[in-house]
Amino acid sequence: MSIRTILVAAGGGAATTGAIDLACQLARRFEAHLEGFHVSPDPQAIFAAVDEGFGNLAAAGLVETMTAETAAKAAQVRALFDDIVGRHGIARRGLPLLAARGPSASWHEETGNASGLVARRGRFFDLLVLGRSDRVAHEPHSDTIEEALMHSGRPVLLAPETPPSGVGYVVAVAWNGSPEGVRALAAALPFLEKANAVSLITAGITADGADAADSLLAIDYLAWHGVSAEHRKVAAGSSRHVGSILFEAARKAGADLLVMGAFGHMPWREQLFGGATRTALATMPLPLLLMH
């Protein structure tokens, strides 16, 4: 298993710089091709969706103004992407070359609904990198994150607003024996195979039918892939959210990346963004690899 292509969603928000920088680090680490993907809103579609009473306003030039503003923002984000790619010494290449080695990068733009387009295009990449802004960490969820997880079929890496100096050298895997956890474990193998240390963390909960034997089987599974992992079991206190406990355990393990299975719709929102976990996401600059 390998990561040969990476898609970074470059929306232009506060977390865009962190997402692009982290994606460039991974492109170099895996010698992968990185595509910067920017989606601009469609002014025509936006005004068509509002009440007919706004028709005169649109005719007065609002569509043209919005079109110019979105084009300017796209150019600004592309310049940011080009600058960060250049600082990482990554060559620009648009088409795949079978004999080519080393990291490469390209840029792509579309117009429409960002959530759906990122999920759809992301299906044809090995990894999606999305930004997670500290300023919106207390929101219950992100449409783009949810769409990417639910409909791309690919692992999604959430990057903090401030890019870390390195990622994937010490990896913590949240483990509860669930099918989502198994998929996350398999999706993380390219990271785990390159890591210096791996911890399998169980926070006092397991899926139906899962027990300590499943954790040992997971350790053996990783060993067959050349990954040496230790099992860490931490107690789940009644007053603390499991997500917060997992983040704390990952921090104590010295992890620079946490791997988790993402659950469908409302349950995964509560698992990741409910209660004390919101505080952990806002204050802990730790990349998070999710797989539905």
Protein backbone atom coordinates (compact mmCIF):
# COMPACT_ATOMS: atom_id res chain seq x y z
CA MET A 1 0.00 0.00 0.00
CA SER A 2 1.23 3.49 -0.78
CA ILE A 3 0.15 7.10 -1.10
CA ARG A 4 0.89 8.29 -4.61
CA THR A 5 -1.68 11.10 -4.95
CA ILE A 6 -2.85 13.72 -2.45
CA LEU A 7 -5.65 16.26 -2.82
CA VAL A 8 -5.57 19.36 -0.62
CA ALA A 9 -8.74 21.45 -0.47
CA ALA A 10 -7.53 25.05 -0.72
CA GLY A 11 -10.59 27.08 0.11
CA GLY A 12 -8.83 30.23 1.21
CA GLY A 13 -9.95 30.16 4.85
CA ALA A 14 -7.84 30.53 7.96
CA ALA A 15 -6.70 26.90 7.86
CA THR A 16 -5.66 26.87 4.20
CA THR A 17 -1.99 27.64 4.86
CA GLY A 18 -1.70 24.83 7.41
CA ALA A 19 -3.44 22.35 5.11
CA ILE A 20 -1.23 23.17 2.12
CA ASP A 21 1.96 23.09 4.16
CA LEU A 22 1.08 19.75 5.74
CA ALA A 23 0.10 18.33 2.35
CA CYS A 24 3.47 19.42 0.94
CA GLN A 25 5.26 17.68 3.81
CA LEU A 26 3.37 14.49 3.01
CA ALA A 27 4.02 14.80 -0.74
CA ARG A 28 7.74 14.89 0.00
CA ARG A 29 7.53 12.08 2.58
CA PHE A 30 5.66 9.73 0.24
CA GLU A 31 7.13 11.08 -3.04
CA ALA A 32 3.55 11.68 -4.09
CA HIS A 33 1.76 14.01 -6.48
CA LEU A 34 -0.11 16.84 -4.77
CA GLU A 35 -3.06 18.66 -6.30
CA GLY A 36 -4.27 21.96 -4.91
CA PHE A 37 -8.04 22.11 -5.44
CA HIS A 38 -9.99 25.35 -5.15
CA VAL A 39 -13.76 25.61 -5.58
CA SER A 40 -15.35 29.00 -6.22
CA PRO A 41 -19.06 29.57 -5.54
CA ASP A 42 -21.31 30.00 -8.57
CA PRO A 43 -22.92 33.47 -8.36
CA GLN A 44 -25.61 32.55 -10.88
CA ALA A 45 -26.66 29.53 -8.84
CA ILE A 46 -26.64 31.53 -5.60
CA PHE A 47 -28.90 34.27 -6.94
CA ALA A 48 -31.17 31.75 -8.65
CA ALA A 49 -31.78 30.10 -5.29
CA VAL A 50 -32.94 33.27 -3.53
CA ASP A 51 -36.32 34.96 -3.70
CA GLU A 52 -37.34 36.58 -6.97
CA GLY A 53 -37.31 39.89 -5.16
CA PHE A 54 -33.54 39.90 -5.47
CA GLY A 55 -33.68 39.72 -9.25
CA ASN A 56 -33.24 43.47 -9.75
CA LEU A 57 -30.29 43.51 -7.38
CA ALA A 58 -28.62 40.78 -9.40
CA ALA A 59 -29.34 42.64 -12.60
CA ALA A 60 -27.75 45.71 -11.06
CA GLY A 61 -24.37 44.05 -11.12
CA LEU A 62 -24.13 41.91 -8.00
CA VAL A 63 -23.45 38.81 -10.06
CA GLU A 64 -20.60 40.55 -11.86
CA THR A 65 -19.20 41.89 -8.59
CA MET A 66 -19.33 38.49 -6.92
CA THR A 67 -17.75 36.85 -9.96
CA ALA A 68 -14.86 39.29 -9.84
CA GLU A 69 -14.40 38.78 -6.11
CA THR A 70 -14.35 34.97 -6.36
CA ALA A 71 -11.85 35.15 -9.24
CA ALA A 72 -9.60 37.41 -7.16
CA LYS A 73 -9.81 35.04 -4.20
CA ALA A 74 -8.99 32.02 -6.40
CA ALA A 75 -5.92 33.84 -7.74
CA GLN A 76 -4.85 34.71 -4.19
CA VAL A 77 -5.18 31.11 -3.00
CA ARG A 78 -3.31 29.80 -6.04
CA ALA A 79 -0.47 32.24 -5.34
CA LEU A 80 -0.35 30.97 -1.76
CA PHE A 81 -0.27 27.36 -3.01
CA ASP A 82 2.52 28.15 -5.49
CA ASP A 83 4.54 29.91 -2.79
CA ILE A 84 4.32 27.03 -0.28
CA VAL A 85 5.00 24.40 -2.95
CA GLY A 86 8.05 26.38 -4.04
CA ARG A 87 9.36 26.67 -0.48
CA HIS A 88 9.14 22.89 -0.16
CA GLY A 89 11.08 22.44 -3.40
CA ILE A 90 8.32 20.47 -5.12
CA ALA A 91 8.34 20.35 -8.91
CA ARG A 92 5.25 21.32 -10.90
CA ARG A 93 3.78 18.57 -13.08
CA GLY A 94 0.25 18.25 -14.39
CA LEU A 95 0.20 14.80 -15.96
CA PRO A 96 1.33 11.46 -14.51
CA LEU A 97 4.64 10.12 -15.77
CA LEU A 98 5.21 6.42 -15.17
CA ALA A 99 8.97 6.79 -14.87
CA ALA A 100 8.91 9.97 -12.78
CA ARG A 101 10.17 9.88 -9.19
CA GLY A 102 9.94 12.43 -6.42
CA PRO A 103 7.14 14.72 -5.31
CA SER A 104 5.21 16.90 -7.75
CA ALA A 105 2.35 19.36 -7.64
CA SER A 106 -0.43 20.80 -9.79
CA TRP A 107 -3.43 23.11 -9.44
CA HIS A 108 -7.10 22.66 -10.33
CA GLU A 109 -10.15 24.93 -10.02
CA GLU A 110 -13.90 24.35 -10.35
CA THR A 111 -17.06 26.30 -9.71
CA GLY A 112 -19.99 25.05 -7.65
CA ASN A 113 -20.68 23.53 -4.26
CA ALA A 114 -17.35 22.95 -2.50
CA SER A 115 -18.51 20.13 -0.22
CA GLY A 116 -19.80 17.93 -3.01
CA LEU A 117 -17.02 18.69 -5.48
CA VAL A 118 -14.22 18.00 -2.98
CA ALA A 119 -15.80 14.65 -2.07
CA ARG A 120 -16.31 13.70 -5.72
CA ARG A 121 -12.82 14.63 -6.93
CA GLY A 122 -11.26 13.17 -3.80
CA ARG A 123 -12.40 9.69 -4.82
CA PHE A 124 -9.52 9.57 -7.28
CA PHE A 125 -6.79 10.42 -4.79
CA ASP A 126 -5.17 8.25 -2.13
CA LEU A 127 -5.51 10.91 0.58
CA LEU A 128 -7.55 14.08 1.15
CA VAL A 129 -6.12 16.90 3.27
CA LEU A 130 -8.59 19.42 4.69
CA GLY A 131 -7.94 22.38 6.97
CA ARG A 132 -9.36 22.63 10.48
CA SER A 133 -9.44 26.24 11.65
CA ASP A 134 -9.04 26.94 15.36
CA ARG A 135 -11.64 29.68 14.97
CA VAL A 136 -14.34 27.18 13.95
CA ALA A 137 -13.23 24.20 16.04
CA HIS A 138 -16.23 24.71 18.32
CA GLU A 139 -18.68 24.24 15.46
CA PRO A 140 -20.43 20.85 15.61
CA HIS A 141 -19.23 19.79 12.16
CA SER A 142 -18.04 20.91 8.75
CA ASP A 143 -20.09 20.10 5.65
CA THR A 144 -16.94 19.57 3.59
CA ILE A 145 -15.40 17.24 6.18
CA GLU A 146 -18.61 15.23 6.48
CA GLU A 147 -19.13 15.01 2.73
CA ALA A 148 -15.54 13.94 2.17
CA LEU A 149 -15.76 11.25 4.84
CA MET A 150 -19.16 9.95 3.83
CA HIS A 151 -18.88 10.07 0.04
CA SER A 152 -15.24 10.03 -1.10
CA GLY A 153 -14.39 6.56 0.22
CA ARG A 154 -10.92 7.88 1.03
CA PRO A 155 -9.04 8.70 4.25
CA VAL A 156 -9.28 12.35 5.27
CA LEU A 157 -6.47 14.12 7.11
CA LEU A 158 -7.54 17.18 9.11
CA ALA A 159 -4.69 19.67 9.34
CA PRO A 160 -4.43 22.23 12.16
CA GLU A 161 -4.30 25.93 11.34
CA THR A 162 -0.63 26.08 12.38
CA PRO A 163 1.29 23.40 10.44
CA PRO A 164 3.40 21.02 12.55
CA SER A 165 7.10 20.61 11.88
CA GLY A 166 6.57 16.93 11.09
CA VAL A 167 3.77 14.40 10.85
CA GLY A 168 3.61 10.61 10.90
CA TYR A 169 6.78 9.95 12.88
CA VAL A 170 4.95 8.96 16.08
CA VAL A 171 1.40 7.74 15.38
CA ALA A 172 -1.43 6.95 17.78
CA VAL A 173 -4.34 4.81 16.59
CA ALA A 174 -7.68 5.02 18.42
CA TRP A 175 -8.90 1.43 18.59
CA ASN A 176 -12.29 0.02 19.61
CA GLY A 177 -12.58 -3.02 17.34
CA SER A 178 -15.32 -1.49 15.18
CA PRO A 179 -15.48 -1.83 11.37
CA GLU A 180 -14.72 1.91 11.17
CA GLY A 181 -11.66 1.38 13.35
CA VAL A 182 -10.51 -1.52 11.16
CA ARG A 183 -10.85 0.60 8.01
CA ALA A 184 -8.96 3.45 9.65
CA LEU A 185 -6.18 1.06 10.68
CA ALA A 186 -5.85 -0.25 7.12
CA ALA A 187 -6.01 3.25 5.60
CA ALA A 188 -3.24 4.41 7.92
CA LEU A 189 -0.80 1.67 6.93
CA PRO A 190 1.30 3.94 4.66
CA PHE A 191 1.82 6.22 7.67
CA LEU A 192 2.37 3.38 10.13
CA GLU A 193 4.96 1.68 7.92
CA LYS A 194 7.06 4.88 7.90
CA ALA A 195 6.53 5.76 11.59
CA ASN A 196 9.24 5.49 14.22
CA ALA A 197 6.70 4.50 16.90
CA VAL A 198 3.05 3.37 16.86
CA SER A 199 0.61 3.14 19.78
CA LEU A 200 -2.76 1.38 19.64
CA ILE A 201 -4.95 3.18 22.19
CA THR A 202 -8.16 1.75 23.68
CA ALA A 203 -10.10 4.21 25.80
CA GLY A 204 -12.13 1.83 27.93
CA ILE A 205 -14.59 1.07 25.12
CA THR A 206 -14.86 -1.66 22.52
CA ALA A 207 -17.32 -2.43 19.77
CA ASP A 208 -19.85 -5.26 20.18
CA GLY A 209 -18.01 -8.55 20.50
CA ALA A 210 -14.58 -6.91 20.67
CA ASP A 211 -12.27 -7.74 23.54
CA ALA A 212 -8.61 -7.76 24.49
CA ALA A 213 -8.00 -10.56 21.99
CA ASP A 214 -9.03 -8.22 19.15
CA SER A 215 -6.40 -5.73 20.23
CA LEU A 216 -3.77 -8.45 20.12
CA LEU A 217 -4.98 -9.45 16.65
CA ALA A 218 -4.64 -5.83 15.54
CA ILE A 219 -1.07 -5.75 16.88
CA ASP A 220 -0.34 -8.98 14.96
CA TYR A 221 -1.95 -7.56 11.83
CA LEU A 222 0.39 -4.59 11.96
CA ALA A 223 3.37 -6.86 12.61
CA TRP A 224 2.66 -8.74 9.36
CA HIS A 225 3.06 -5.35 7.65
CA GLY A 226 6.36 -4.72 9.38
CA VAL A 227 4.89 -2.33 11.96
CA SER A 228 5.82 -2.74 15.62
CA ALA A 229 3.06 -1.30 17.81
CA GLU A 230 2.38 -1.15 21.52
CA HIS A 231 -1.09 -1.39 23.07
CA ARG A 232 -2.10 1.36 25.51
CA LYS A 233 -5.36 0.95 27.42
CA VAL A 234 -6.66 4.01 29.24
CA ALA A 235 -9.67 4.30 31.53
CA ALA A 236 -12.74 6.12 30.26
CA GLY A 237 -13.93 8.36 33.10
CA SER A 238 -17.66 8.92 33.40
CA SER A 239 -17.31 12.71 33.34
CA ARG A 240 -15.00 12.97 30.32
CA HIS A 241 -15.78 12.51 26.67
CA VAL A 242 -13.98 9.58 25.03
CA GLY A 243 -12.59 11.82 22.30
CA SER A 244 -10.91 14.06 24.86
CA ILE A 245 -9.39 11.01 26.61
CA LEU A 246 -8.01 9.73 23.30
CA PHE A 247 -6.40 13.07 22.48
CA GLU A 248 -4.80 13.20 25.91
CA ALA A 249 -3.49 9.63 25.57
CA ALA A 250 -2.08 10.47 22.11
CA ARG A 251 -0.32 13.51 23.57
CA LYS A 252 1.23 11.42 26.35
CA ALA A 253 2.46 8.94 23.74
CA GLY A 254 4.24 11.83 21.98
CA ALA A 255 2.12 11.35 18.86
CA ASP A 256 2.21 13.83 16.00
CA LEU A 257 -0.76 12.11 14.30
CA LEU A 258 -3.95 10.51 15.64
CA VAL A 259 -5.84 7.93 13.56
CA MET A 260 -9.56 7.39 14.19
CA GLY A 261 -12.52 5.67 12.58
CA ALA A 262 -15.34 8.08 11.69
CA PHE A 263 -18.90 7.01 12.31
CA GLY A 264 -21.83 7.80 10.05
CA HIS A 265 -23.61 11.15 10.35
CA MET A 266 -24.69 12.18 13.85
CA PRO A 267 -22.79 9.54 15.87
CA TRP A 268 -19.42 10.52 14.38
CA ARG A 269 -20.15 14.19 14.93
CA GLU A 270 -20.75 13.50 18.59
CA GLN A 271 -17.71 11.23 18.79
CA LEU A 272 -15.37 13.85 17.32
CA PHE A 273 -16.87 17.24 18.02
CA GLY A 274 -19.09 16.81 21.08
CA GLY A 275 -18.42 17.89 24.64
CA ALA A 276 -14.83 18.09 25.83
CA THR A 277 -13.46 17.08 22.42
CA ARG A 278 -14.29 20.54 21.09
CA THR A 279 -11.83 21.98 23.57
CA ALA A 280 -9.22 19.40 22.60
CA LEU A 281 -9.62 20.23 18.90
CA ALA A 282 -9.34 23.94 19.58
CA THR A 283 -6.26 23.76 21.80
CA MET A 284 -4.34 20.72 20.57
CA PRO A 285 -2.56 21.20 17.20
CA LEU A 286 -2.58 17.51 16.31
CA PRO A 287 -3.34 16.28 12.77
CA LEU A 288 -6.21 13.81 12.70
CA LEU A 289 -6.54 11.01 10.12
CA LEU A 290 -10.14 9.83 9.71
CA MET A 291 -11.68 6.98 7.72
CA HIS A 292 -15.39 6.21 7.49
